[in-house]
Protein backbone atom coordinates (compact mmCIF):
# COMPACT_ATOMS: atom_id res chain seq x y z
CA MET A 1 0.00 0.00 0.00
CA ASN A 2 1.32 3.43 -0.94
CA HIS A 3 0.94 5.91 1.89
CA GLY A 4 2.93 8.67 0.19
CA THR A 5 6.64 9.10 -0.21
CA SER A 6 8.91 7.56 2.39
CA HIS A 7 12.53 8.07 3.19
CA ARG A 8 14.97 6.58 5.65
CA LEU A 9 16.37 9.12 8.09
CA LEU A 10 20.14 8.78 8.20
CA SER A 11 21.37 12.17 9.38
CA LEU A 12 22.58 12.24 12.98
CA ARG A 13 23.60 15.88 13.06
CA THR A 14 21.55 16.83 16.14
CA ALA A 15 23.17 16.05 19.49
CA TRP A 16 20.96 14.31 22.04
CA PHE A 17 20.83 17.08 24.60
CA ASN A 18 21.01 20.06 22.31
CA VAL A 19 17.77 21.41 23.79
CA PRO A 20 16.97 24.63 25.65
CA SER A 21 16.78 24.58 29.40
CA ALA A 22 13.47 24.65 31.05
CA GLY A 23 -6.52 -9.19 18.61
CA LYS A 24 -5.33 -12.16 19.78
CA PRO A 25 -5.86 -13.53 23.26
CA LEU A 26 -3.10 -12.32 25.56
CA PHE A 27 -2.40 -15.63 27.29
CA PRO A 28 1.35 -14.91 27.23
CA LEU A 29 0.59 -11.65 28.99
CA LEU A 30 -1.06 -13.55 31.86
CA ILE A 31 2.23 -15.37 32.41
CA ILE A 32 4.10 -12.06 32.34
CA VAL A 33 1.87 -10.65 35.04
CA ALA A 34 2.64 -13.58 37.31
CA MET A 35 6.37 -13.75 36.64
CA GLU A 36 7.58 -10.21 36.02
CA ALA A 37 5.61 -7.75 38.13
CA ASN A 38 8.19 -8.29 40.84
CA GLY A 39 9.32 -4.88 42.04
CA ASP A 40 11.69 -4.24 39.14
CA GLY A 41 10.02 -0.90 38.54
CA LEU A 42 11.92 0.49 41.51
CA GLN A 43 15.12 -0.14 39.55
CA VAL A 44 14.10 2.01 36.57
CA LEU A 45 12.41 4.81 38.52
CA PRO A 46 15.72 6.33 39.77
CA PHE A 47 16.91 6.71 36.17
CA PHE A 48 13.99 8.97 35.37
CA GLU A 49 14.22 10.85 38.66
CA ALA A 50 17.87 11.60 37.86
CA HIS A 51 16.97 12.72 34.32
CA SER A 52 13.77 14.61 35.16
CA LYS A 53 15.19 18.01 34.25
CA GLU A 54 16.43 16.70 30.89
CA MET A 55 13.01 15.20 30.28
CA LEU A 56 11.31 18.50 31.00
CA ASP A 57 13.79 20.30 28.74
CA PHE A 58 13.06 17.79 25.99
CA THR A 59 9.33 18.38 26.42
CA ARG A 60 9.93 22.10 26.07
CA TRP A 61 11.97 21.45 22.92
CA LEU A 62 8.99 19.60 21.44
CA VAL A 63 6.45 22.24 22.53
CA GLU A 64 8.52 25.02 20.98
CA GLN A 65 8.33 23.30 17.61
CA GLU A 66 4.82 24.39 16.71
CA SER A 67 3.09 21.71 14.67
CA MET A 68 -0.55 22.45 13.97
CA SER A 69 -2.40 19.70 12.14
CA ARG A 70 -2.52 20.32 8.36
CA GLU A 71 0.57 22.53 8.55
CA ALA A 72 2.64 20.13 6.46
CA GLU A 73 5.98 21.87 6.76
CA ALA A 74 5.67 22.16 10.54
CA THR A 75 4.82 18.48 11.13
CA ARG A 76 7.52 17.42 8.67
CA ARG A 77 10.12 19.46 10.56
CA ILE A 78 9.28 18.09 14.01
CA ALA A 79 9.19 14.52 12.64
CA GLU A 80 12.66 14.93 11.15
CA ASN A 81 14.05 16.46 14.33
CA LEU A 82 12.58 13.77 16.57
CA GLY A 83 13.68 11.07 14.15
CA GLU A 84 17.29 12.20 14.48
CA LYS A 85 17.08 11.85 18.27
CA LEU A 86 15.59 8.36 17.99
CA ALA A 87 18.21 7.25 15.45
CA LEU A 88 20.91 8.09 17.98
CA ILE A 89 19.50 5.51 20.40
CA GLY A 90 19.36 2.74 17.83
CA ALA A 91 16.10 3.19 15.95
CA THR A 92 15.68 2.62 12.25
CA VAL A 93 13.63 5.68 11.32
CA ASP A 94 11.35 6.19 8.34
CA LEU A 95 9.29 9.25 7.50
CA ILE A 96 6.11 8.77 5.48
CA ASN A 97 5.45 12.07 3.76
CA ASP A 98 2.18 13.58 2.61
CA ARG A 99 2.18 16.95 0.86
CA ARG A 100 -1.01 18.07 2.63
CA TYR A 101 -0.38 16.85 6.17
CA GLY A 102 3.36 16.49 6.60
CA SER A 103 5.31 13.50 7.92
CA THR A 104 4.36 10.48 9.98
CA LEU A 105 7.31 8.92 11.81
CA LEU A 106 8.05 5.21 12.22
CA ALA A 107 10.94 4.31 14.55
CA ARG A 108 11.72 0.61 14.79
CA PHE A 109 13.77 -0.94 17.56
CA ASP A 110 14.88 -4.54 17.35
CA CYS A 111 14.33 -6.71 20.40
CA PHE A 112 16.73 -5.46 23.09
CA GLY A 113 18.72 -8.36 24.59
CA GLY A 114 17.18 -11.67 25.56
CA THR A 115 15.28 -13.97 23.21
CA PRO A 116 12.46 -12.56 21.09
CA HIS A 117 9.00 -13.92 21.82
CA SER A 118 8.14 -16.82 19.54
CA GLU A 119 4.97 -15.07 18.38
CA ASN A 120 7.18 -12.64 16.42
CA LYS A 121 4.73 -9.72 16.63
CA GLN A 122 5.75 -6.18 17.50
CA LEU A 123 4.75 -3.96 20.37
CA LEU A 124 3.29 -0.76 18.95
CA VAL A 125 3.79 2.51 20.87
CA VAL A 126 1.57 5.21 19.39
CA GLY A 127 1.45 8.99 19.54
CA HIS A 128 0.95 12.02 17.33
CA LEU A 129 3.09 15.04 16.57
CA ASP A 130 0.36 17.44 15.47
CA THR A 131 -1.59 19.79 17.74
CA VAL A 132 -4.74 21.90 17.42
CA TRP A 133 -2.85 25.16 17.99
CA PRO A 134 -2.27 27.58 15.08
CA ILE A 135 1.27 28.61 14.26
CA GLY A 136 2.03 31.72 16.33
CA THR A 137 0.22 30.56 19.48
CA LEU A 138 3.57 30.06 21.20
CA ALA A 139 4.35 33.77 20.96
CA ALA A 140 1.20 34.57 22.94
CA ARG A 141 1.43 31.60 25.32
CA PRO A 142 5.08 30.53 25.64
CA PHE A 143 6.27 27.52 27.59
CA LYS A 144 6.31 28.32 31.30
CA ILE A 145 6.57 26.63 34.68
CA GLU A 146 4.41 27.48 37.66
CA ASP A 147 5.06 25.41 40.79
CA ASP A 148 4.59 21.76 39.76
CA ARG A 149 2.93 22.54 36.43
CA ALA A 150 4.45 23.12 33.00
CA PHE A 151 2.32 25.01 30.47
CA GLY A 152 2.51 25.26 26.69
CA PRO A 153 0.42 24.65 23.57
CA GLY A 154 0.26 20.91 22.91
CA ILE A 155 2.17 19.92 26.04
CA PHE A 156 -0.61 17.73 27.51
CA ASP A 157 -2.01 16.60 24.15
CA MET A 158 0.48 15.18 23.58
CA LYS A 159 4.08 16.24 23.35
CA ALA A 160 4.80 15.09 26.90
CA GLY A 161 3.71 11.61 25.82
CA VAL A 162 6.13 11.71 22.88
CA MET A 163 8.88 12.60 25.34
CA LEU A 164 8.00 9.60 27.56
CA ALA A 165 8.40 7.15 24.69
CA THR A 166 11.72 8.65 23.66
CA PHE A 167 13.20 8.44 27.14
CA ALA A 168 11.74 4.99 27.82
CA MET A 169 13.62 3.58 24.83
CA ARG A 170 16.76 5.45 25.86
CA ALA A 171 16.54 4.02 29.39
CA ILE A 172 16.18 0.47 28.10
CA LYS A 173 19.29 0.90 26.00
CA GLU A 174 21.48 2.74 28.51
CA LEU A 175 20.56 0.50 31.45
CA GLY A 176 21.19 -2.65 29.40
CA ARG A 177 17.64 -3.88 29.86
CA SER A 178 15.69 -6.13 27.48
CA THR A 179 12.38 -6.36 25.66
CA ARG A 180 10.41 -9.45 24.71
CA ARG A 181 9.73 -8.32 21.15
CA ALA A 182 10.56 -5.65 18.60
CA VAL A 183 9.15 -2.22 19.43
CA THR A 184 7.79 0.27 16.89
CA LEU A 185 7.13 3.90 17.73
CA LEU A 186 4.42 5.31 15.45
CA MET A 187 4.00 9.10 15.60
CA THR A 188 1.32 10.36 13.22
CA CYS A 189 1.10 13.85 11.77
CA ASP A 190 -2.68 14.33 11.51
CA GLU A 191 -4.47 12.68 14.44
CA GLU A 192 -6.20 15.92 15.41
CA THR A 193 -7.88 16.11 12.01
CA GLY A 194 -8.94 12.47 11.67
CA SER A 195 -5.69 10.68 10.69
CA VAL A 196 -6.61 10.98 7.02
CA SER A 197 -3.09 10.55 5.61
CA SER A 198 -1.80 8.20 8.31
CA ARG A 199 -4.72 5.76 8.47
CA GLY A 200 -3.12 3.27 6.07
CA VAL A 201 0.12 3.25 8.07
CA ILE A 202 -1.81 2.75 11.32
CA ASP A 203 -3.69 -0.21 9.86
CA ASP A 204 -0.55 -1.82 8.44
CA GLU A 205 1.30 -1.55 11.74
CA ALA A 206 -1.71 -2.77 13.74
CA ARG A 207 -1.83 -5.97 11.69
CA GLN A 208 1.70 -6.76 12.89
CA ALA A 209 1.09 -5.86 16.54
CA HIS A 210 0.67 -8.01 19.62
CA ALA A 211 -0.55 -5.03 21.67
CA ALA A 212 -0.52 -1.24 21.49
CA LEU A 213 0.36 1.43 24.06
CA VAL A 214 -1.10 4.85 23.25
CA LEU A 215 0.59 7.96 24.64
CA GLU A 216 -2.48 10.22 24.64
CA PRO A 217 -2.93 12.17 27.89
CA PRO A 218 -4.68 10.36 30.71
CA ILE A 219 -7.99 11.39 32.20
CA PRO A 220 -7.00 14.19 34.63
CA GLY A 221 -5.83 12.47 37.79
CA GLY A 222 -3.73 9.95 35.84
CA THR A 223 -6.48 7.49 34.87
CA VAL A 224 -5.68 5.44 31.77
CA LYS A 225 -8.26 4.76 29.09
CA THR A 226 -9.47 1.25 28.33
CA ALA A 227 -12.44 2.32 26.21
CA ARG A 228 -13.24 5.16 23.82
CA LYS A 229 -16.38 5.92 21.91
CA GLY A 230 -16.48 5.69 18.16
CA VAL A 231 -16.92 8.88 16.20
CA GLY A 232 -18.96 9.84 13.16
CA GLU A 233 -19.60 13.07 11.30
CA PHE A 234 -22.44 14.01 8.98
CA GLU A 235 -23.37 16.96 6.83
CA LEU A 236 -27.09 17.45 6.29
CA ILE A 237 -28.05 19.55 3.26
CA ILE A 238 -31.63 20.71 2.80
CA HIS A 239 -32.78 21.92 -0.62
CA GLY A 240 -35.90 24.10 -0.68
CA ARG A 241 -37.37 26.59 -3.13
CA PRO A 242 -36.81 30.37 -2.93
CA ALA A 243 -39.59 32.93 -3.05
CA HIS A 244 -40.24 36.53 -2.04
CA ALA A 245 -41.21 36.46 1.62
CA GLY A 246 -43.51 39.48 1.32
CA ASN A 247 -45.21 38.91 -2.02
CA ASP A 248 -45.41 35.14 -2.43
CA LEU A 249 -44.41 33.30 0.75
CA ARG A 250 -46.51 30.20 -0.01
CA ALA A 251 -44.74 29.68 -3.33
CA GLY A 252 -41.52 28.96 -1.48
CA VAL A 253 -40.27 25.88 0.37
CA SER A 254 -38.19 26.91 3.36
CA ALA A 255 -35.06 24.85 3.76
CA ILE A 256 -34.63 26.36 7.23
CA THR A 257 -38.06 25.17 8.37
CA GLU A 258 -37.31 21.71 7.01
CA LEU A 259 -33.96 21.77 8.80
CA ALA A 260 -35.74 22.56 12.07
CA HIS A 261 -37.90 19.43 11.62
CA GLN A 262 -34.80 17.34 10.90
CA VAL A 263 -32.90 18.64 13.93
CA LEU A 264 -35.75 17.50 16.18
CA ALA A 265 -35.76 14.09 14.47
CA ILE A 266 -31.99 13.75 14.86
CA ASN A 267 -32.17 14.63 18.55
CA LYS A 268 -34.47 11.63 19.06
CA LEU A 269 -31.58 9.35 18.06
CA ASN A 270 -29.82 10.08 21.37
CA ASP A 271 -29.74 7.12 23.75
CA PHE A 272 -27.92 8.26 26.87
CA GLU A 273 -28.27 4.91 28.65
CA ARG A 274 -26.39 3.21 25.83
CA GLY A 275 -23.92 6.07 25.53
CA SER A 276 -24.93 6.90 21.95
CA THR A 277 -25.23 10.61 21.19
CA VAL A 278 -25.71 12.96 18.27
CA ASN A 279 -25.17 16.69 18.37
CA VAL A 280 -26.18 19.22 15.74
CA GLY A 281 -23.28 21.54 16.37
CA VAL A 282 -23.48 23.88 13.37
CA ALA A 283 -26.54 25.03 11.40
CA ARG A 284 -26.85 27.72 8.77
CA GLY A 285 -29.05 28.68 5.85
CA GLY A 286 -30.70 31.35 3.80
CA VAL A 287 -29.35 34.57 2.33
CA LEU A 288 -31.71 37.39 3.38
CA SER A 289 -34.63 37.74 5.77
CA ASN A 290 -37.02 38.61 2.93
CA VAL A 291 -36.21 35.48 0.90
CA VAL A 292 -37.55 32.01 1.62
CA ALA A 293 -34.42 29.96 2.25
CA ALA A 294 -33.49 27.79 -0.71
CA GLU A 295 -30.77 25.90 1.14
CA ALA A 296 -29.77 25.08 4.71
CA ARG A 297 -27.00 22.95 6.14
CA ALA A 298 -26.16 21.32 9.45
CA PHE A 299 -23.12 19.48 10.72
CA ILE A 300 -23.68 16.63 13.15
CA ASP A 301 -21.30 14.84 15.53
CA MET A 302 -22.02 11.22 16.48
CA ARG A 303 -20.54 9.21 19.37
CA PHE A 304 -21.20 5.54 20.13
CA ARG A 305 -19.85 2.78 22.38
CA ASN A 306 -20.22 -0.19 20.06
CA VAL A 307 -20.30 -0.87 16.34
CA GLU A 308 -23.97 -1.85 16.35
CA ASP A 309 -25.09 1.51 17.74
CA GLY A 310 -22.89 3.33 15.27
CA GLN A 311 -24.46 1.42 12.40
CA ARG A 312 -27.96 2.04 13.79
CA ILE A 313 -27.49 5.79 13.93
CA THR A 314 -25.74 5.90 10.56
CA GLU A 315 -28.62 4.06 8.92
CA ALA A 316 -31.13 6.43 10.55
CA MET A 317 -29.19 9.46 9.35
CA LEU A 318 -28.94 8.19 5.79
CA ASN A 319 -32.68 7.49 5.74
CA LEU A 320 -33.95 10.87 6.92
CA ARG A 321 -37.00 11.89 4.92
CA PRO A 322 -38.39 15.41 4.34
CA VAL A 323 -41.44 16.59 6.25
CA ILE A 324 -42.40 19.50 3.98
CA ASP A 325 -43.66 18.83 0.46
CA GLY A 326 -41.13 20.01 -2.08
CA ALA A 327 -38.11 19.83 0.22
CA ARG A 328 -35.22 17.55 -0.63
CA ILE A 329 -32.63 16.07 1.76
CA GLU A 330 -29.02 15.11 1.14
CA VAL A 331 -26.87 13.42 3.80
CA ARG A 332 -23.10 12.98 3.58
CA GLY A 333 -20.66 11.36 5.96
CA GLY A 334 -20.57 8.38 8.29
CA ILE A 335 -18.32 6.70 10.84
CA ASN A 336 -14.73 7.92 10.81
CA ARG A 337 -13.39 6.23 13.95
CA PRO A 338 -14.59 2.85 15.23
CA PRO A 339 -15.02 2.47 18.99
CA LEU A 340 -12.23 1.24 21.23
CA VAL A 341 -14.17 -1.42 23.11
CA ARG A 342 -12.93 -2.77 26.44
CA THR A 343 -12.41 -6.47 25.77
CA SER A 344 -11.22 -9.15 28.17
CA GLU A 345 -7.75 -8.85 26.60
CA THR A 346 -7.79 -5.11 27.20
CA GLY A 347 -8.74 -5.82 30.81
CA GLU A 348 -5.77 -8.17 31.17
CA LEU A 349 -3.48 -5.52 29.72
CA PHE A 350 -4.78 -2.97 32.21
CA GLU A 351 -4.36 -5.35 35.13
CA HIS A 352 -0.77 -5.91 34.08
CA ALA A 353 -0.21 -2.15 33.97
CA ARG A 354 -1.88 -1.73 37.35
CA ARG A 355 0.48 -4.26 38.94
CA LEU A 356 3.49 -2.57 37.37
CA ALA A 357 2.32 0.80 38.65
CA SER A 358 1.95 -0.69 42.11
CA GLU A 359 5.54 -1.93 42.07
CA ILE A 360 6.64 1.60 41.12
CA GLY A 361 4.61 3.00 44.00
CA PHE A 362 1.33 4.41 42.71
CA ASP A 363 -2.25 3.33 42.12
CA LEU A 364 -3.40 3.17 38.49
CA LYS A 365 -7.10 3.44 37.60
CA GLU A 366 -8.99 2.96 34.34
CA GLY A 367 -11.82 4.83 32.68
CA SER A 368 -13.58 5.49 29.39
CA VAL A 369 -13.99 8.68 27.38
CA GLY A 370 -16.08 10.00 24.51
CA GLY A 371 -13.19 11.23 22.36
CA GLY A 372 -11.38 9.08 19.83
CA SER A 373 -7.68 8.46 19.15
CA ASP A 374 -5.55 6.42 16.78
CA GLY A 375 -6.00 3.63 19.32
CA ASN A 376 -9.57 3.23 18.01
CA PHE A 377 -8.26 2.21 14.59
CA ILE A 378 -5.79 -0.24 16.12
CA ALA A 379 -8.39 -1.86 18.39
CA ALA A 380 -10.60 -2.48 15.34
CA HIS A 381 -7.98 -5.04 14.24
CA GLY A 382 -8.50 -7.03 17.45
CA VAL A 383 -5.32 -5.69 19.04
CA PRO A 384 -5.48 -4.99 22.81
CA VAL A 385 -4.93 -1.26 23.38
CA LEU A 386 -4.05 0.63 26.55
CA ASP A 387 -4.57 4.35 26.03
CA GLY A 388 -3.93 7.47 28.11
CA LEU A 389 -0.36 6.59 29.10
CA GLY A 390 0.88 10.19 28.83
CA VAL A 391 1.80 12.54 31.66
CA ASP A 392 -0.94 13.66 34.04
CA GLY A 393 -2.29 17.18 33.65
CA ALA A 394 -5.33 18.95 32.23
CA GLY A 395 -6.58 21.40 29.64
CA ALA A 396 -6.31 19.53 26.35
CA HIS A 397 -7.22 21.97 23.54
CA ALA A 398 -7.60 24.76 26.13
CA GLU A 399 -5.50 27.76 27.07
CA HIS A 400 -4.70 26.35 30.52
CA GLU A 401 -3.20 23.16 29.01
CA HIS A 402 -0.49 21.82 31.31
CA ILE A 403 1.24 18.74 32.73
CA ILE A 404 2.17 17.80 36.30
CA ILE A 405 5.97 17.83 36.42
CA SER A 406 6.28 15.45 39.37
CA ASP A 407 4.30 12.82 37.46
CA ILE A 408 6.93 12.51 34.72
CA PRO A 409 9.33 9.98 36.35
CA ARG A 410 6.71 7.48 37.43
CA ARG A 411 4.83 7.59 34.12
CA ALA A 412 8.11 7.05 32.29
CA ALA A 413 8.92 4.13 34.57
CA LEU A 414 5.50 2.59 33.95
CA LEU A 415 5.83 2.91 30.17
CA THR A 416 9.33 1.41 30.30
CA ARG A 417 8.14 -1.58 32.30
CA LEU A 418 5.24 -2.13 29.93
CA ILE A 419 7.56 -2.04 26.93
CA GLU A 420 9.90 -4.52 28.65
CA THR A 421 7.29 -7.04 29.75
CA ILE A 422 4.65 -7.25 27.02
């Protein structure tokens, strides 16, 4: 499958610390839980405590490379710069380029030490390099530290998570530790706008994966995500017939009036007990107050917990029928992210993570959210996914976006132990 141009990153011109100051059933995993959650996390935690300032500086370095989604040059630049860092710790790095969205990064690490697992499937560690913040936001809201919080556009969602993966792989190498299988870091360039260009890469890598660890931010408080709703988007277009509102109102067919009927019908598709929701978030129509509206449009967001509910709502949307004689309805869109469903294998993966967190010294909880991630696409291939493994904080997509600095070492230790033991 051709995902765009690709090139191997060979240049190592950037020094490591040249940064400014600031599925299948997981039966093998069940054995890992019993044999390897043995307190070893306390051996890796001091590494990250000793390097916490470097990790924060690296996070700042990432934040100060603005990389709004769909800004192709910006996402290409940060992918190249990060790729050079990863190459220095042993990764084979490829950039998959798209002229509209920029560069998605693949960094492959062979199995470190030990004997590779006989299953011969990779561990996929997933993040994204793009943010929602327009170029120039940094000038108005620069990186800053206040007490135990570090602020900056994109820091929580999710440049701190990218930093964790980078330092986890460095720790494994420098401490002479081992992994059970090859590890692939996948950093997409367009997650915030639907992963349009990177979807094929995500699917290809998921087919080769035993499990996936997603570096999206946790639910504030540090809770990881074992379920996410699926997402759909629709555009509803109403065609009416124009007429002069003062002279011949009855000759017209108001697209706005028809849209009002349809909005009420769409609202009836909500089923809060099942967690299925639709929201008419944007509506517009008409040209002047004295003209019967010939056209009206609405944009609808859909969220659903399971595939069946997504299909049910999609079918209902595509079969909307006009109420007013002479009106015509056109519906575009559908499901763009499948749900990340909590399976028994996902539960086993979480329990393994919870035990590892306990050996490091903290309590790990799980939850579900309504937003989607690239983990949704991976889970659709039957791969167990643990999401929300980034640094604790709050304010994703908001001006108060920040991370909790003291959370960095233990989250890095947890990610390292997961990479070692899965």
